[in-house]
Amino acid sequence: MKAIKSIKEYWESIAKWLDEVAKLASSENLATRASLEDLEQFKKRLTIVELPKGFEESYFCHNGFMQAIGLVHGGDWMSLDEILIFWSTKENFWNLDYIPFVKLSIDEYICLDLSTSKILHIDLLEDERALEVYAVANDFRAFLANLVNDLQEGNGIMGELLAE
């Protein structure tokens, strides 16, 4: 098997897995790509000068999911518009460096940390009005590599639920 080297190849592997293995979804659930203008408007609205290359490349491949399929640990990839909606309603204690891109539940997200480029799992702790944060990948490419590996190996919610 050829080693995957690019963000686009990771998304091609995800689409292939959806079409060949998943029983409850297909690559048609992946949204079309974001445009350069979409990303520039996104950065402008969030007052971000630069996003990590892997994040931008990923959204140039797919701008979220067309419908909820639970591909990412039971959660779904958010479109740029969905991220902006979250951002407009975020809590005061939310760290402005955390850009959510996977919604796992009403109070749980996978986020890009702009200050480190690490990928974080974040739980909003309602009673404490605070965040519980831990790293899940060193960068966007590593996160996608883990996702593809989990799909191919049938690990976790992704492989179990969608391939049944």
N, C-alpha and C. Protein backbone atom coordinates (compact mmCIF):
# COMPACT_ATOMS: atom_id res chain seq x y z
N MET A 1 0.84 -1.19 0.00
CA MET A 1 0.00 0.00 0.00
C MET A 1 0.88 1.25 0.00
N LYS A 2 0.59 2.18 -0.87
CA LYS A 2 1.33 3.42 -0.99
C LYS A 2 1.06 4.32 0.23
N ALA A 3 2.13 4.92 0.75
CA ALA A 3 1.97 5.84 1.88
C ALA A 3 1.28 7.11 1.41
N ILE A 4 0.34 7.58 2.22
CA ILE A 4 -0.38 8.81 1.90
C ILE A 4 0.51 9.99 2.26
N LYS A 5 0.56 10.96 1.36
CA LYS A 5 1.43 12.10 1.61
C LYS A 5 0.70 13.43 1.68
N SER A 6 -0.46 13.56 1.07
CA SER A 6 -1.12 14.86 1.01
C SER A 6 -2.49 14.82 1.69
N ILE A 7 -2.96 16.01 2.06
CA ILE A 7 -4.31 16.14 2.64
C ILE A 7 -5.35 15.61 1.64
N LYS A 8 -5.17 15.94 0.37
CA LYS A 8 -6.10 15.47 -0.66
C LYS A 8 -6.16 13.94 -0.70
N GLU A 9 -5.02 13.29 -0.55
CA GLU A 9 -5.00 11.83 -0.56
C GLU A 9 -5.73 11.25 0.66
N TYR A 10 -5.62 11.92 1.80
CA TYR A 10 -6.37 11.46 2.97
C TYR A 10 -7.87 11.53 2.68
N TRP A 11 -8.32 12.64 2.10
CA TRP A 11 -9.75 12.77 1.80
C TRP A 11 -10.18 11.77 0.73
N GLU A 12 -9.32 11.47 -0.23
CA GLU A 12 -9.63 10.43 -1.22
C GLU A 12 -9.79 9.08 -0.54
N SER A 13 -8.94 8.79 0.46
CA SER A 13 -9.06 7.54 1.21
C SER A 13 -10.36 7.48 2.01
N ILE A 14 -10.73 8.61 2.60
CA ILE A 14 -11.99 8.68 3.35
C ILE A 14 -13.18 8.45 2.41
N ALA A 15 -13.17 9.11 1.25
CA ALA A 15 -14.25 8.94 0.28
C ALA A 15 -14.32 7.49 -0.20
N LYS A 16 -13.17 6.90 -0.46
CA LYS A 16 -13.12 5.50 -0.90
C LYS A 16 -13.69 4.58 0.17
N TRP A 17 -13.31 4.83 1.43
CA TRP A 17 -13.84 4.02 2.53
C TRP A 17 -15.35 4.17 2.61
N LEU A 18 -15.85 5.39 2.49
CA LEU A 18 -17.30 5.61 2.54
C LEU A 18 -18.01 4.85 1.44
N ASP A 19 -17.44 4.84 0.23
CA ASP A 19 -18.09 4.17 -0.90
C ASP A 19 -17.96 2.65 -0.85
N GLU A 20 -16.85 2.14 -0.33
CA GLU A 20 -16.60 0.69 -0.39
C GLU A 20 -16.96 -0.05 0.89
N VAL A 21 -16.93 0.62 2.04
CA VAL A 21 -17.12 -0.08 3.31
C VAL A 21 -18.36 0.38 4.06
N ALA A 22 -18.57 1.67 4.12
CA ALA A 22 -19.67 2.21 4.93
C ALA A 22 -21.01 1.75 4.37
N LYS A 23 -21.85 1.33 5.27
CA LYS A 23 -23.20 0.88 4.87
C LYS A 23 -24.23 1.99 5.03
N LEU A 24 -23.97 2.96 5.91
CA LEU A 24 -24.95 3.98 6.23
C LEU A 24 -24.64 5.34 5.61
N ALA A 25 -23.59 5.41 4.79
CA ALA A 25 -23.19 6.69 4.19
C ALA A 25 -22.39 6.41 2.93
N SER A 26 -22.12 7.46 2.17
CA SER A 26 -21.25 7.35 0.99
C SER A 26 -20.49 8.65 0.83
N SER A 27 -19.60 8.68 -0.15
CA SER A 27 -18.81 9.89 -0.38
C SER A 27 -19.70 11.06 -0.80
N GLU A 28 -20.93 10.78 -1.18
CA GLU A 28 -21.88 11.85 -1.52
C GLU A 28 -22.23 12.69 -0.29
N ASN A 29 -21.95 12.15 0.92
CA ASN A 29 -22.19 12.91 2.15
C ASN A 29 -21.15 14.00 2.38
N LEU A 30 -20.04 13.95 1.65
CA LEU A 30 -18.99 14.95 1.79
C LEU A 30 -19.38 16.19 0.98
N ALA A 31 -19.30 17.34 1.60
CA ALA A 31 -19.65 18.59 0.91
C ALA A 31 -18.58 18.94 -0.12
N THR A 32 -18.97 19.77 -1.07
CA THR A 32 -18.00 20.23 -2.05
C THR A 32 -16.96 21.12 -1.38
N ARG A 33 -15.95 21.44 -2.09
CA ARG A 33 -14.82 22.19 -1.54
C ARG A 33 -15.19 23.64 -1.26
N ALA A 34 -14.46 24.22 -0.32
CA ALA A 34 -14.56 25.66 -0.07
C ALA A 34 -13.68 26.36 -1.11
N SER A 35 -14.06 27.55 -1.45
CA SER A 35 -13.26 28.34 -2.40
C SER A 35 -12.24 29.17 -1.63
N LEU A 36 -11.28 29.73 -2.34
CA LEU A 36 -10.32 30.64 -1.73
C LEU A 36 -11.05 31.82 -1.11
N GLU A 37 -12.07 32.31 -1.79
CA GLU A 37 -12.87 33.42 -1.26
C GLU A 37 -13.58 33.02 0.03
N ASP A 38 -14.11 31.79 0.08
CA ASP A 38 -14.76 31.30 1.30
C ASP A 38 -13.79 31.33 2.48
N LEU A 39 -12.58 30.83 2.26
CA LEU A 39 -11.59 30.80 3.33
C LEU A 39 -11.13 32.20 3.72
N GLU A 40 -10.99 33.09 2.76
CA GLU A 40 -10.59 34.46 3.07
C GLU A 40 -11.67 35.16 3.89
N GLN A 41 -12.93 34.96 3.54
CA GLN A 41 -14.04 35.54 4.30
C GLN A 41 -14.10 34.95 5.71
N PHE A 42 -13.87 33.67 5.80
CA PHE A 42 -13.84 32.98 7.10
C PHE A 42 -12.77 33.60 8.00
N LYS A 43 -11.56 33.75 7.48
CA LYS A 43 -10.47 34.34 8.26
C LYS A 43 -10.79 35.78 8.65
N LYS A 44 -11.38 36.50 7.73
CA LYS A 44 -11.73 37.90 8.01
C LYS A 44 -12.76 37.99 9.14
N ARG A 45 -13.79 37.15 9.08
CA ARG A 45 -14.85 37.18 10.11
C ARG A 45 -14.32 36.79 11.48
N LEU A 46 -13.32 35.89 11.51
CA LEU A 46 -12.75 35.47 12.78
C LEU A 46 -11.50 36.27 13.16
N THR A 47 -11.18 37.24 12.34
CA THR A 47 -9.98 38.08 12.51
C THR A 47 -8.71 37.23 12.68
N ILE A 48 -8.58 36.27 11.78
CA ILE A 48 -7.41 35.38 11.75
C ILE A 48 -6.57 35.77 10.54
N VAL A 49 -5.30 35.98 10.75
CA VAL A 49 -4.41 36.33 9.64
C VAL A 49 -4.06 35.10 8.83
N GLU A 50 -3.75 34.01 9.52
CA GLU A 50 -3.30 32.81 8.83
C GLU A 50 -3.81 31.57 9.52
N LEU A 51 -4.24 30.60 8.72
CA LEU A 51 -4.64 29.30 9.23
C LEU A 51 -3.54 28.30 8.86
N PRO A 52 -3.37 27.24 9.65
CA PRO A 52 -2.40 26.22 9.26
C PRO A 52 -2.72 25.66 7.88
N LYS A 53 -1.69 25.36 7.13
CA LYS A 53 -1.84 24.89 5.75
C LYS A 53 -2.75 23.66 5.65
N GLY A 54 -2.59 22.72 6.58
CA GLY A 54 -3.40 21.50 6.55
C GLY A 54 -4.88 21.77 6.70
N PHE A 55 -5.23 22.74 7.55
CA PHE A 55 -6.64 23.11 7.73
C PHE A 55 -7.19 23.67 6.43
N GLU A 56 -6.48 24.61 5.83
CA GLU A 56 -6.95 25.19 4.57
C GLU A 56 -7.04 24.14 3.47
N GLU A 57 -6.02 23.30 3.34
CA GLU A 57 -6.03 22.26 2.31
C GLU A 57 -7.22 21.33 2.48
N SER A 58 -7.54 21.02 3.73
CA SER A 58 -8.66 20.13 4.00
C SER A 58 -9.97 20.75 3.54
N TYR A 59 -10.16 22.03 3.84
CA TYR A 59 -11.40 22.69 3.42
C TYR A 59 -11.43 22.95 1.91
N PHE A 60 -10.27 22.97 1.27
CA PHE A 60 -10.25 23.04 -0.20
C PHE A 60 -10.69 21.70 -0.81
N CYS A 61 -10.64 20.63 -0.01
CA CYS A 61 -11.13 19.32 -0.47
C CYS A 61 -12.61 19.17 -0.18
N HIS A 62 -13.02 19.44 1.08
CA HIS A 62 -14.42 19.29 1.49
C HIS A 62 -14.75 20.32 2.56
N ASN A 63 -15.84 21.03 2.36
CA ASN A 63 -16.29 22.04 3.30
C ASN A 63 -17.36 21.43 4.22
N GLY A 64 -16.93 20.48 5.05
CA GLY A 64 -17.85 19.83 5.97
C GLY A 64 -18.57 18.66 5.32
N PHE A 65 -19.64 18.23 5.97
CA PHE A 65 -20.47 17.12 5.48
C PHE A 65 -21.81 17.67 5.04
N MET A 66 -22.40 17.04 4.03
CA MET A 66 -23.72 17.44 3.55
C MET A 66 -24.81 17.10 4.56
N GLN A 67 -24.63 15.98 5.26
CA GLN A 67 -25.59 15.58 6.29
C GLN A 67 -24.82 14.85 7.38
N ALA A 68 -25.39 14.77 8.55
CA ALA A 68 -24.73 14.13 9.68
C ALA A 68 -24.57 12.64 9.43
N ILE A 69 -23.34 12.15 9.54
CA ILE A 69 -23.09 10.72 9.38
C ILE A 69 -22.23 10.16 10.51
N GLY A 70 -21.77 11.00 11.42
CA GLY A 70 -21.01 10.51 12.57
C GLY A 70 -19.65 9.93 12.22
N LEU A 71 -19.03 10.39 11.17
CA LEU A 71 -17.78 9.81 10.68
C LEU A 71 -16.62 10.00 11.65
N VAL A 72 -16.56 11.11 12.33
CA VAL A 72 -15.41 11.42 13.19
C VAL A 72 -15.77 11.15 14.65
N HIS A 73 -15.49 9.93 15.11
CA HIS A 73 -15.78 9.54 16.50
C HIS A 73 -17.23 9.85 16.88
N GLY A 74 -18.13 9.63 15.96
CA GLY A 74 -19.55 9.86 16.20
C GLY A 74 -19.99 11.28 15.93
N GLY A 75 -19.06 12.15 15.60
CA GLY A 75 -19.37 13.55 15.31
C GLY A 75 -19.21 13.85 13.83
N ASP A 76 -19.46 15.10 13.48
CA ASP A 76 -19.42 15.47 12.08
C ASP A 76 -18.56 16.70 11.82
N TRP A 77 -17.92 16.66 10.67
CA TRP A 77 -17.07 17.75 10.19
C TRP A 77 -17.95 18.96 9.94
N MET A 78 -17.58 20.09 10.51
CA MET A 78 -18.37 21.31 10.37
C MET A 78 -17.95 22.08 9.12
N SER A 79 -18.90 22.70 8.46
CA SER A 79 -18.58 23.59 7.34
C SER A 79 -18.04 24.89 7.92
N LEU A 80 -17.45 25.69 7.07
CA LEU A 80 -16.97 27.01 7.51
C LEU A 80 -18.12 27.84 8.07
N ASP A 81 -19.29 27.76 7.45
CA ASP A 81 -20.46 28.50 7.95
C ASP A 81 -20.88 28.00 9.32
N GLU A 82 -20.85 26.70 9.53
CA GLU A 82 -21.21 26.15 10.84
C GLU A 82 -20.23 26.60 11.92
N ILE A 83 -18.95 26.68 11.57
CA ILE A 83 -17.95 27.17 12.51
C ILE A 83 -18.25 28.62 12.86
N LEU A 84 -18.59 29.42 11.86
CA LEU A 84 -18.92 30.84 12.11
C LEU A 84 -20.15 30.98 12.99
N ILE A 85 -21.14 30.13 12.81
CA ILE A 85 -22.33 30.16 13.67
C ILE A 85 -21.93 29.84 15.11
N PHE A 86 -21.11 28.80 15.28
CA PHE A 86 -20.63 28.48 16.63
C PHE A 86 -19.91 29.69 17.21
N TRP A 87 -19.04 30.28 16.41
CA TRP A 87 -18.22 31.40 16.88
C TRP A 87 -19.09 32.58 17.32
N SER A 88 -20.20 32.79 16.65
CA SER A 88 -21.06 33.93 17.00
C SER A 88 -21.82 33.69 18.30
N THR A 89 -21.89 32.44 18.75
CA THR A 89 -22.63 32.12 19.97
C THR A 89 -21.74 31.57 21.08
N LYS A 90 -20.43 31.62 20.90
CA LYS A 90 -19.51 31.02 21.86
C LYS A 90 -19.61 31.68 23.24
N GLU A 91 -19.22 30.93 24.22
CA GLU A 91 -19.23 31.43 25.60
C GLU A 91 -18.04 32.36 25.84
N ASN A 92 -18.15 33.24 26.81
CA ASN A 92 -17.09 34.19 27.12
C ASN A 92 -15.78 33.52 27.52
N PHE A 93 -15.86 32.32 28.10
CA PHE A 93 -14.65 31.65 28.57
C PHE A 93 -13.95 30.86 27.46
N TRP A 94 -14.54 30.83 26.26
CA TRP A 94 -13.95 30.07 25.15
C TRP A 94 -12.63 30.71 24.73
N ASN A 95 -11.60 29.90 24.57
CA ASN A 95 -10.29 30.38 24.14
C ASN A 95 -10.37 30.75 22.65
N LEU A 96 -10.01 31.96 22.31
CA LEU A 96 -10.13 32.44 20.92
C LEU A 96 -9.18 31.75 19.97
N ASP A 97 -8.21 31.01 20.48
CA ASP A 97 -7.31 30.25 19.61
C ASP A 97 -7.91 28.90 19.20
N TYR A 98 -9.03 28.50 19.80
CA TYR A 98 -9.63 27.19 19.52
C TYR A 98 -10.70 27.33 18.44
N ILE A 99 -10.44 26.75 17.29
CA ILE A 99 -11.38 26.76 16.16
C ILE A 99 -12.01 25.37 16.06
N PRO A 100 -13.29 25.23 16.43
CA PRO A 100 -13.92 23.91 16.34
C PRO A 100 -14.15 23.54 14.87
N PHE A 101 -13.89 22.27 14.53
CA PHE A 101 -14.18 21.84 13.16
C PHE A 101 -14.91 20.50 13.13
N VAL A 102 -15.02 19.83 14.28
CA VAL A 102 -15.84 18.63 14.40
C VAL A 102 -16.72 18.81 15.63
N LYS A 103 -18.02 18.67 15.43
CA LYS A 103 -18.96 18.74 16.55
C LYS A 103 -19.30 17.31 16.95
N LEU A 104 -18.87 16.94 18.16
CA LEU A 104 -19.13 15.60 18.67
C LEU A 104 -20.48 15.53 19.37
N SER A 105 -20.81 16.60 20.08
CA SER A 105 -22.09 16.70 20.77
C SER A 105 -22.34 18.18 21.05
N ILE A 106 -23.40 18.49 21.75
CA ILE A 106 -23.75 19.88 22.03
C ILE A 106 -22.65 20.59 22.83
N ASP A 107 -21.86 19.82 23.58
CA ASP A 107 -20.84 20.44 24.42
C ASP A 107 -19.45 19.81 24.26
N GLU A 108 -19.22 19.19 23.10
CA GLU A 108 -17.95 18.50 22.88
C GLU A 108 -17.51 18.70 21.43
N TYR A 109 -16.25 19.11 21.25
CA TYR A 109 -15.74 19.47 19.93
C TYR A 109 -14.30 18.99 19.73
N ILE A 110 -13.94 18.79 18.48
CA ILE A 110 -12.55 18.65 18.08
C ILE A 110 -12.17 20.01 17.49
N CYS A 111 -11.07 20.58 17.97
CA CYS A 111 -10.69 21.95 17.60
C CYS A 111 -9.25 22.03 17.12
N LEU A 112 -9.01 23.00 16.29
CA LEU A 112 -7.66 23.39 15.91
C LEU A 112 -7.22 24.47 16.88
N ASP A 113 -6.05 24.30 17.48
CA ASP A 113 -5.49 25.32 18.35
C ASP A 113 -4.57 26.19 17.49
N LEU A 114 -4.98 27.41 17.22
CA LEU A 114 -4.20 28.29 16.36
C LEU A 114 -2.82 28.63 16.94
N SER A 115 -2.69 28.60 18.25
CA SER A 115 -1.41 28.98 18.86
C SER A 115 -0.35 27.89 18.71
N THR A 116 -0.77 26.62 18.56
CA THR A 116 0.19 25.52 18.47
C THR A 116 0.03 24.66 17.22
N SER A 117 -1.10 24.80 16.51
CA SER A 117 -1.50 23.96 15.37
C SER A 117 -1.87 22.54 15.79
N LYS A 118 -1.94 22.28 17.11
CA LYS A 118 -2.36 20.96 17.59
C LYS A 118 -3.87 20.82 17.45
N ILE A 119 -4.30 19.57 17.42
CA ILE A 119 -5.73 19.26 17.37
C ILE A 119 -6.15 18.84 18.78
N LEU A 120 -7.19 19.48 19.30
CA LEU A 120 -7.62 19.28 20.67
C LEU A 120 -9.03 18.72 20.74
N HIS A 121 -9.27 17.92 21.77
CA HIS A 121 -10.61 17.47 22.12
C HIS A 121 -11.05 18.35 23.28
N ILE A 122 -12.20 19.00 23.14
CA ILE A 122 -12.64 19.96 24.14
C ILE A 122 -14.05 19.62 24.61
N ASP A 123 -14.19 19.53 25.94
CA ASP A 123 -15.50 19.38 26.57
C ASP A 123 -15.82 20.68 27.28
N LEU A 124 -17.01 21.19 27.05
CA LEU A 124 -17.47 22.35 27.80
C LEU A 124 -18.06 21.83 29.11
N LEU A 125 -17.53 22.28 30.21
CA LEU A 125 -18.00 21.85 31.52
C LEU A 125 -19.03 22.85 32.00
N GLU A 126 -20.29 22.48 31.87
CA GLU A 126 -21.39 23.41 32.11
C GLU A 126 -21.40 24.01 33.51
N ASP A 127 -21.27 23.16 34.51
CA ASP A 127 -21.33 23.66 35.88
C ASP A 127 -20.20 24.61 36.22
N GLU A 128 -19.01 24.31 35.69
CA GLU A 128 -17.85 25.13 36.02
C GLU A 128 -17.63 26.27 35.04
N ARG A 129 -18.43 26.30 33.95
CA ARG A 129 -18.26 27.33 32.92
C ARG A 129 -16.81 27.38 32.46
N ALA A 130 -16.26 26.20 32.23
CA ALA A 130 -14.86 26.09 31.85
C ALA A 130 -14.71 25.00 30.79
N LEU A 131 -13.49 24.78 30.36
CA LEU A 131 -13.20 23.80 29.33
C LEU A 131 -12.29 22.71 29.86
N GLU A 132 -12.54 21.48 29.45
CA GLU A 132 -11.60 20.39 29.68
C GLU A 132 -10.96 20.12 28.33
N VAL A 133 -9.64 20.21 28.26
CA VAL A 133 -8.94 20.17 26.98
C VAL A 133 -7.83 19.12 27.01
N TYR A 134 -7.74 18.32 25.95
CA TYR A 134 -6.57 17.46 25.79
C TYR A 134 -6.26 17.31 24.31
N ALA A 135 -4.98 17.13 24.01
CA ALA A 135 -4.51 17.04 22.62
C ALA A 135 -4.81 15.65 22.07
N VAL A 136 -5.24 15.60 20.80
CA VAL A 136 -5.48 14.32 20.13
C VAL A 136 -4.54 14.11 18.94
N ALA A 137 -3.90 15.17 18.46
CA ALA A 137 -2.94 15.04 17.36
C ALA A 137 -2.03 16.27 17.35
N ASN A 138 -0.83 16.09 16.86
CA ASN A 138 0.14 17.19 16.83
C ASN A 138 -0.15 18.21 15.75
N ASP A 139 -0.87 17.83 14.71
CA ASP A 139 -1.23 18.77 13.65
C ASP A 139 -2.37 18.18 12.82
N PHE A 140 -2.82 18.94 11.84
CA PHE A 140 -3.98 18.55 11.04
C PHE A 140 -3.71 17.28 10.23
N ARG A 141 -2.53 17.19 9.65
CA ARG A 141 -2.17 16.01 8.85
C ARG A 141 -2.21 14.76 9.73
N ALA A 142 -1.66 14.84 10.94
CA ALA A 142 -1.67 13.69 11.85
C ALA A 142 -3.10 13.32 12.24
N PHE A 143 -3.96 14.31 12.43
CA PHE A 143 -5.36 14.03 12.76
C PHE A 143 -6.03 13.25 11.62
N LEU A 144 -5.83 13.70 10.38
CA LEU A 144 -6.42 12.99 9.24
C LEU A 144 -5.82 11.60 9.07
N ALA A 145 -4.52 11.47 9.32
CA ALA A 145 -3.87 10.15 9.24
C ALA A 145 -4.50 9.20 10.26
N ASN A 146 -4.74 9.69 11.48
CA ASN A 146 -5.39 8.87 12.51
C ASN A 146 -6.81 8.50 12.11
N LEU A 147 -7.54 9.45 11.54
CA LEU A 147 -8.91 9.19 11.09
C LEU A 147 -8.93 8.11 10.02
N VAL A 148 -8.08 8.24 9.01
CA VAL A 148 -8.02 7.24 7.93
C VAL A 148 -7.63 5.88 8.50
N ASN A 149 -6.64 5.85 9.39
CA ASN A 149 -6.21 4.60 10.00
C ASN A 149 -7.36 3.96 10.78
N ASP A 150 -8.08 4.76 11.57
CA ASP A 150 -9.21 4.24 12.34
C ASP A 150 -10.29 3.66 11.43
N LEU A 151 -10.57 4.34 10.32
CA LEU A 151 -11.56 3.83 9.39
C LEU A 151 -11.11 2.51 8.79
N GLN A 152 -9.88 2.46 8.32
CA GLN A 152 -9.37 1.26 7.66
C GLN A 152 -9.24 0.08 8.62
N GLU A 153 -8.93 0.36 9.88
CA GLU A 153 -8.76 -0.69 10.88
C GLU A 153 -10.07 -1.06 11.57
N GLY A 154 -11.12 -0.26 11.36
CA GLY A 154 -12.40 -0.52 12.00
C GLY A 154 -12.40 -0.18 13.48
N ASN A 155 -11.50 0.73 13.88
CA ASN A 155 -11.39 1.12 15.29
C ASN A 155 -12.39 2.20 15.65
N GLY A 156 -12.90 2.14 16.85
CA GLY A 156 -13.73 3.20 17.38
C GLY A 156 -15.09 3.29 16.74
N ILE A 157 -15.79 4.33 17.07
CA ILE A 157 -17.16 4.54 16.60
C ILE A 157 -17.22 4.61 15.09
N MET A 158 -16.23 5.26 14.48
CA MET A 158 -16.27 5.45 13.03
C MET A 158 -16.41 4.13 12.31
N GLY A 159 -15.48 3.23 12.54
CA GLY A 159 -15.49 1.94 11.85
C GLY A 159 -16.64 1.05 12.25
N GLU A 160 -17.00 1.06 13.53
CA GLU A 160 -18.04 0.19 14.03
C GLU A 160 -19.43 0.55 13.53
N LEU A 161 -19.82 1.80 13.67
CA LEU A 161 -21.18 2.20 13.34
C LEU A 161 -21.45 2.26 11.84
N LEU A 162 -20.56 2.87 11.10
CA LEU A 162 -20.83 3.08 9.69
C LEU A 162 -20.65 1.83 8.85
N ALA A 163 -19.83 0.88 9.29
CA ALA A 163 -19.56 -0.30 8.49
C ALA A 163 -20.44 -1.48 8.86
N GLU A 164 -21.30 -1.33 9.86
CA GLU A 164 -22.17 -2.45 10.27
C GLU A 164 -23.21 -2.76 9.22
